[in-house]
């Protein structure tokens, strides 16, 4: 095997390291765009509903809130995959740096410091998505009339049942651990 084909030559790890950095930038770019868009859209949509003269609990309000909450949950599930991808890429970058420079090397990935108090990007994203999802799920309560009427009964029942189901699903997704360990090799 020649030096040019060896995985320990500087060219191959450098090329891999640069690709890892590029993929991390792209994934972070998507994450930060979503982190800005999702809450901004939520605030704009809820404000639009509130500015309506007859903003009261109704099936359209309940359905709009379900669509908003499910969309937010869907973006969180997508974002969780981005978190997994970023973790995977950081681990591969650290592996490359350790192989090239040794275990004592402090690099962009190798021996990167722990986040303050153990809270980092993932936990910050959870806060933003959980707050946005909560706003969607709790918003119908702000449209309840001061006195109960028969016209509110069906939307209220649908809202409570749907909100509980969505909140339970969201809880499951928010507490799920994101693992970045390699998958099993394919069977021969």
C-alpha atoms as a PDB file:
ATOM      1  CA  UNK A   1       0.000   0.000   0.000  1.00  0.00           C
ATOM      2  CA  UNK A   2       1.484   3.355  -0.973  1.00  0.00           C
ATOM      3  CA  UNK A   3       1.602   6.385   1.281  1.00  0.00           C
ATOM      4  CA  UNK A   4      -0.932   8.180  -0.948  1.00  0.00           C
ATOM      5  CA  UNK A   5      -3.623   5.556  -0.239  1.00  0.00           C
ATOM      6  CA  UNK A   6      -2.890   5.225   3.473  1.00  0.00           C
ATOM      7  CA  UNK A   7      -5.575   6.627   5.815  1.00  0.00           C
ATOM      8  CA  UNK A   8      -2.806   8.143   7.943  1.00  0.00           C
ATOM      9  CA  UNK A   9      -1.563  10.477   5.205  1.00  0.00           C
ATOM     10  CA  UNK A  10      -2.369  14.151   5.811  1.00  0.00           C
ATOM     11  CA  UNK A  11      -4.382  14.603   2.565  1.00  0.00           C
ATOM     12  CA  UNK A  12      -7.186  12.123   3.298  1.00  0.00           C
ATOM     13  CA  UNK A  13      -7.870  13.165   6.899  1.00  0.00           C
ATOM     14  CA  UNK A  14      -7.646  16.846   5.897  1.00  0.00           C
ATOM     15  CA  UNK A  15     -10.199  16.301   3.133  1.00  0.00           C
ATOM     16  CA  UNK A  16     -12.482  14.390   5.511  1.00  0.00           C
ATOM     17  CA  UNK A  17     -12.035  17.009   8.243  1.00  0.00           C
ATOM     18  CA  UNK A  18     -12.943  19.830   5.842  1.00  0.00           C
ATOM     19  CA  UNK A  19     -16.036  17.929   4.671  1.00  0.00           C
ATOM     20  CA  UNK A  20     -17.098  17.360   8.285  1.00  0.00           C
ATOM     21  CA  UNK A  21     -16.741  21.098   8.967  1.00  0.00           C
ATOM     22  CA  UNK A  22     -18.769  21.952   5.837  1.00  0.00           C
ATOM     23  CA  UNK A  23     -21.539  19.506   6.757  1.00  0.00           C
ATOM     24  CA  UNK A  24     -21.669  20.866  10.313  1.00  0.00           C
ATOM     25  CA  UNK A  25     -22.020  24.431   9.012  1.00  0.00           C
ATOM     26  CA  UNK A  26     -24.848  23.365   6.689  1.00  0.00           C
ATOM     27  CA  UNK A  27     -26.703  21.504   9.448  1.00  0.00           C
ATOM     28  CA  UNK A  28     -26.295  24.386  11.895  1.00  0.00           C
ATOM     29  CA  UNK A  29     -27.524  26.818   9.237  1.00  0.00           C
ATOM     30  CA  UNK A  30     -30.738  24.802   8.827  1.00  0.00           C
ATOM     31  CA  UNK A  31     -31.160  24.570  12.618  1.00  0.00           C
ATOM     32  CA  UNK A  32     -30.775  28.295  13.204  1.00  0.00           C
ATOM     33  CA  UNK A  33     -33.150  29.188  10.381  1.00  0.00           C
ATOM     34  CA  UNK A  34     -35.792  26.891  11.869  1.00  0.00           C
ATOM     35  CA  UNK A  35     -35.118  28.239  15.360  1.00  0.00           C
ATOM     36  CA  UNK A  36     -35.944  31.710  14.080  1.00  0.00           C
ATOM     37  CA  UNK A  37     -38.814  30.792  11.788  1.00  0.00           C
ATOM     38  CA  UNK A  38     -40.877  28.509  14.021  1.00  0.00           C
ATOM     39  CA  UNK A  39     -41.386  30.924  16.967  1.00  0.00           C
ATOM     40  CA  UNK A  40     -41.742  33.950  14.664  1.00  0.00           C
ATOM     41  CA  UNK A  41     -44.465  32.237  12.626  1.00  0.00           C
ATOM     42  CA  UNK A  42     -46.201  31.130  15.826  1.00  0.00           C
ATOM     43  CA  UNK A  43     -46.273  34.644  17.273  1.00  0.00           C
ATOM     44  CA  UNK A  44     -47.515  36.086  13.957  1.00  0.00           C
ATOM     45  CA  UNK A  45     -50.249  33.456  13.575  1.00  0.00           C
ATOM     46  CA  UNK A  46     -51.485  33.723  17.156  1.00  0.00           C
ATOM     47  CA  UNK A  47     -51.440  37.530  16.944  1.00  0.00           C
ATOM     48  CA  UNK A  48     -53.460  37.319  13.728  1.00  0.00           C
ATOM     49  CA  UNK A  49     -56.073  35.164  15.438  1.00  0.00           C
ATOM     50  CA  UNK A  50     -56.204  37.469  18.465  1.00  0.00           C
ATOM     51  CA  UNK A  51     -56.669  40.555  16.301  1.00  0.00           C
ATOM     52  CA  UNK A  52     -59.804  39.079  14.809  1.00  0.00           C
ATOM     53  CA  UNK A  53     -62.849  40.741  16.312  1.00  0.00           C
ATOM     54  CA  UNK A  54     -64.451  37.414  17.220  1.00  0.00           C
ATOM     55  CA  UNK A  55     -61.428  35.540  18.565  1.00  0.00           C
ATOM     56  CA  UNK A  56     -63.282  32.913  20.561  1.00  0.00           C
ATOM     57  CA  UNK A  57     -62.976  29.207  21.064  1.00  0.00           C
ATOM     58  CA  UNK A  58     -64.244  27.569  17.907  1.00  0.00           C
ATOM     59  CA  UNK A  59     -63.385  24.595  15.731  1.00  0.00           C
ATOM     60  CA  UNK A  60     -61.273  26.748  13.344  1.00  0.00           C
ATOM     61  CA  UNK A  61     -59.221  28.076  16.295  1.00  0.00           C
ATOM     62  CA  UNK A  62     -58.781  24.557  17.698  1.00  0.00           C
ATOM     63  CA  UNK A  63     -57.805  23.152  14.291  1.00  0.00           C
ATOM     64  CA  UNK A  64     -55.370  26.019  13.641  1.00  0.00           C
ATOM     65  CA  UNK A  65     -53.732  25.338  16.996  1.00  0.00           C
ATOM     66  CA  UNK A  66     -53.488  21.618  16.279  1.00  0.00           C
ATOM     67  CA  UNK A  67     -51.867  22.300  12.897  1.00  0.00           C
ATOM     68  CA  UNK A  68     -49.451  24.755  14.526  1.00  0.00           C
ATOM     69  CA  UNK A  69     -48.552  22.391  17.352  1.00  0.00           C
ATOM     70  CA  UNK A  70     -48.157  19.356  15.088  1.00  0.00           C
ATOM     71  CA  UNK A  71     -46.026  21.379  12.656  1.00  0.00           C
ATOM     72  CA  UNK A  72     -43.827  22.521  15.537  1.00  0.00           C
ATOM     73  CA  UNK A  73     -43.530  18.931  16.759  1.00  0.00           C
ATOM     74  CA  UNK A  74     -42.640  17.804  13.235  1.00  0.00           C
ATOM     75  CA  UNK A  75     -39.910  20.430  13.019  1.00  0.00           C
ATOM     76  CA  UNK A  76     -38.588  19.290  16.418  1.00  0.00           C
ATOM     77  CA  UNK A  77     -38.426  15.666  15.197  1.00  0.00           C
ATOM     78  CA  UNK A  78     -36.536  16.862  12.116  1.00  0.00           C
ATOM     79  CA  UNK A  79     -34.293  19.012  14.304  1.00  0.00           C
ATOM     80  CA  UNK A  80     -33.564  16.063  16.555  1.00  0.00           C
ATOM     81  CA  UNK A  81     -32.143  14.279  13.510  1.00  0.00           C
ATOM     82  CA  UNK A  82     -30.001  17.376  12.820  1.00  0.00           C
ATOM     83  CA  UNK A  83     -28.743  17.168  16.422  1.00  0.00           C
ATOM     84  CA  UNK A  84     -27.863  13.525  15.880  1.00  0.00           C
ATOM     85  CA  UNK A  85     -26.067  14.384  12.627  1.00  0.00           C
ATOM     86  CA  UNK A  86     -24.099  17.181  14.332  1.00  0.00           C
ATOM     87  CA  UNK A  87     -23.090  14.872  17.203  1.00  0.00           C
ATOM     88  CA  UNK A  88     -22.006  12.227  14.735  1.00  0.00           C
ATOM     89  CA  UNK A  89     -19.961  14.722  12.712  1.00  0.00           C
ATOM     90  CA  UNK A  90     -18.295  16.192  15.827  1.00  0.00           C
ATOM     91  CA  UNK A  91     -17.324  12.689  16.974  1.00  0.00           C
ATOM     92  CA  UNK A  92     -15.878  11.862  13.545  1.00  0.00           C
ATOM     93  CA  UNK A  93     -13.952  15.165  13.530  1.00  0.00           C
ATOM     94  CA  UNK A  94     -12.552  14.417  16.995  1.00  0.00           C
ATOM     95  CA  UNK A  95     -11.547  10.909  15.838  1.00  0.00           C
ATOM     96  CA  UNK A  96      -9.675  12.394  12.873  1.00  0.00           C
ATOM     97  CA  UNK A  97      -7.900  14.947  15.075  1.00  0.00           C
ATOM     98  CA  UNK A  98      -6.890  12.305  17.649  1.00  0.00           C
ATOM     99  CA  UNK A  99      -5.579   9.965  14.938  1.00  0.00           C
ATOM    100  CA  UNK A 100      -3.596  12.755  13.304  1.00  0.00           C
ATOM    101  CA  UNK A 101      -2.262  14.497  16.436  1.00  0.00           C
ATOM    102  CA  UNK A 102      -2.701  12.130  19.385  1.00  0.00           C
ATOM    103  CA  UNK A 103      -5.098  11.916  22.308  1.00  0.00           C
ATOM    104  CA  UNK A 104      -3.604  14.903  24.151  1.00  0.00           C
ATOM    105  CA  UNK A 105      -4.381  17.250  21.244  1.00  0.00           C
ATOM    106  CA  UNK A 106      -6.923  19.975  21.868  1.00  0.00           C
ATOM    107  CA  UNK A 107      -8.593  20.841  18.577  1.00  0.00           C
ATOM    108  CA  UNK A 108     -11.801  22.095  17.063  1.00  0.00           C
ATOM    109  CA  UNK A 109     -13.457  18.779  17.950  1.00  0.00           C
ATOM    110  CA  UNK A 110     -11.032  16.807  20.131  1.00  0.00           C
ATOM    111  CA  UNK A 111     -11.337  17.583  23.838  1.00  0.00           C
ATOM    112  CA  UNK A 112     -13.927  20.276  23.184  1.00  0.00           C
ATOM    113  CA  UNK A 113     -15.091  21.689  26.544  1.00  0.00           C
ATOM    114  CA  UNK A 114     -18.402  20.631  28.038  1.00  0.00           C
ATOM    115  CA  UNK A 115     -21.234  23.139  27.754  1.00  0.00           C
ATOM    116  CA  UNK A 116     -21.916  25.380  30.771  1.00  0.00           C
ATOM    117  CA  UNK A 117     -23.939  23.497  33.401  1.00  0.00           C
ATOM    118  CA  UNK A 118     -24.397  20.713  30.859  1.00  0.00           C
ATOM    119  CA  UNK A 119     -26.804  22.822  28.792  1.00  0.00           C
ATOM    120  CA  UNK A 120     -25.931  23.396  25.166  1.00  0.00           C
ATOM    121  CA  UNK A 121     -27.465  23.671  21.723  1.00  0.00           C
ATOM    122  CA  UNK A 122     -29.739  20.653  22.161  1.00  0.00           C
ATOM    123  CA  UNK A 123     -31.203  21.884  25.436  1.00  0.00           C
ATOM    124  CA  UNK A 124     -31.642  25.407  24.051  1.00  0.00           C
ATOM    125  CA  UNK A 125     -33.520  24.026  21.059  1.00  0.00           C
ATOM    126  CA  UNK A 126     -35.728  21.952  23.346  1.00  0.00           C
ATOM    127  CA  UNK A 127     -36.660  25.103  25.261  1.00  0.00           C
ATOM    128  CA  UNK A 128     -37.547  27.007  22.064  1.00  0.00           C
ATOM    129  CA  UNK A 129     -39.567  24.167  20.541  1.00  0.00           C
ATOM    130  CA  UNK A 130     -41.297  23.272  23.825  1.00  0.00           C
ATOM    131  CA  UNK A 131     -42.247  26.916  24.417  1.00  0.00           C
ATOM    132  CA  UNK A 132     -43.576  27.247  20.869  1.00  0.00           C
ATOM    133  CA  UNK A 133     -45.529  23.994  21.107  1.00  0.00           C
ATOM    134  CA  UNK A 134     -46.935  25.067  24.487  1.00  0.00           C
ATOM    135  CA  UNK A 135     -48.055  28.396  23.033  1.00  0.00           C
ATOM    136  CA  UNK A 136     -50.005  26.563  20.317  1.00  0.00           C
ATOM    137  CA  UNK A 137     -51.547  24.088  22.751  1.00  0.00           C
ATOM    138  CA  UNK A 138     -52.466  26.653  25.406  1.00  0.00           C
ATOM    139  CA  UNK A 139     -53.689  29.396  23.079  1.00  0.00           C
ATOM    140  CA  UNK A 140     -57.293  28.099  22.830  1.00  0.00           C
ATOM    141  CA  UNK A 141     -57.646  28.607  26.585  1.00  0.00           C
ATOM    142  CA  UNK A 142     -57.207  32.345  26.047  1.00  0.00           C
ATOM    143  CA  UNK A 143     -60.187  32.344  23.690  1.00  0.00           C
ATOM    144  CA  UNK A 144     -62.607  30.782  26.165  1.00  0.00           C
ATOM    145  CA  UNK A 145     -65.614  32.982  26.877  1.00  0.00           C
ATOM    146  CA  UNK A 146     -66.124  34.205  30.439  1.00  0.00           C
ATOM    147  CA  UNK A 147     -69.303  32.140  30.709  1.00  0.00           C
ATOM    148  CA  UNK A 148     -69.726  28.635  29.341  1.00  0.00           C
ATOM    149  CA  UNK A 149     -72.045  28.265  26.374  1.00  0.00           C
ATOM    150  CA  UNK A 150     -73.267  25.275  24.403  1.00  0.00           C
ATOM    151  CA  UNK A 151     -71.459  26.590  21.303  1.00  0.00           C
ATOM    152  CA  UNK A 152     -68.133  26.113  23.109  1.00  0.00           C
ATOM    153  CA  UNK A 153     -68.774  22.550  24.335  1.00  0.00           C
ATOM    154  CA  UNK A 154     -67.739  20.621  21.200  1.00  0.00           C
ATOM    155  CA  UNK A 155     -64.645  22.713  20.417  1.00  0.00           C
ATOM    156  CA  UNK A 156     -63.618  22.466  24.077  1.00  0.00           C
ATOM    157  CA  UNK A 157     -63.963  18.672  24.141  1.00  0.00           C
ATOM    158  CA  UNK A 158     -62.049  18.326  20.864  1.00  0.00           C
ATOM    159  CA  UNK A 159     -59.405  20.755  22.128  1.00  0.00           C
ATOM    160  CA  UNK A 160     -58.861  18.950  25.446  1.00  0.00           C
ATOM    161  CA  UNK A 161     -58.646  15.489  23.868  1.00  0.00           C
ATOM    162  CA  UNK A 162     -56.363  16.646  21.047  1.00  0.00           C
ATOM    163  CA  UNK A 163     -54.152  18.784  23.266  1.00  0.00           C
ATOM    164  CA  UNK A 164     -53.614  15.909  25.702  1.00  0.00           C
ATOM    165  CA  UNK A 165     -52.754  13.510  22.846  1.00  0.00           C
ATOM    166  CA  UNK A 166     -50.350  15.976  21.201  1.00  0.00           C
ATOM    167  CA  UNK A 167     -48.762  16.896  24.547  1.00  0.00           C
ATOM    168  CA  UNK A 168     -48.196  13.203  25.384  1.00  0.00           C
ATOM    169  CA  UNK A 169     -46.611  12.577  21.978  1.00  0.00           C
ATOM    170  CA  UNK A 170     -44.477  15.728  22.314  1.00  0.00           C
ATOM    171  CA  UNK A 171     -43.312  14.696  25.786  1.00  0.00           C
ATOM    172  CA  UNK A 172     -42.190  11.350  24.388  1.00  0.00           C
ATOM    173  CA  UNK A 173     -40.255  13.083  21.603  1.00  0.00           C
ATOM    174  CA  UNK A 174     -38.659  15.699  23.862  1.00  0.00           C
ATOM    175  CA  UNK A 175     -37.333  13.211  26.415  1.00  0.00           C
ATOM    176  CA  UNK A 176     -36.085  10.707  23.808  1.00  0.00           C
ATOM    177  CA  UNK A 177     -32.323  10.413  23.943  1.00  0.00           C
ATOM    178  CA  UNK A 178     -30.414  11.339  20.795  1.00  0.00           C
ATOM    179  CA  UNK A 179     -27.718   8.731  20.180  1.00  0.00           C
ATOM    180  CA  UNK A 180     -24.903   9.188  17.728  1.00  0.00           C
ATOM    181  CA  UNK A 181     -23.327   5.739  17.953  1.00  0.00           C
ATOM    182  CA  UNK A 182     -22.691   3.831  14.738  1.00  0.00           C
ATOM    183  CA  UNK A 183     -25.393   1.525  13.480  1.00  0.00           C
ATOM    184  CA  UNK A 184     -24.720  -2.195  13.209  1.00  0.00           C
ATOM    185  CA  UNK A 185     -22.804  -3.324  10.138  1.00  0.00           C
ATOM    186  CA  UNK A 186     -24.897  -4.964   7.436  1.00  0.00           C
ATOM    187  CA  UNK A 187     -25.181  -8.747   7.538  1.00  0.00           C
ATOM    188  CA  UNK A 188     -23.035 -10.571   4.997  1.00  0.00           C
END
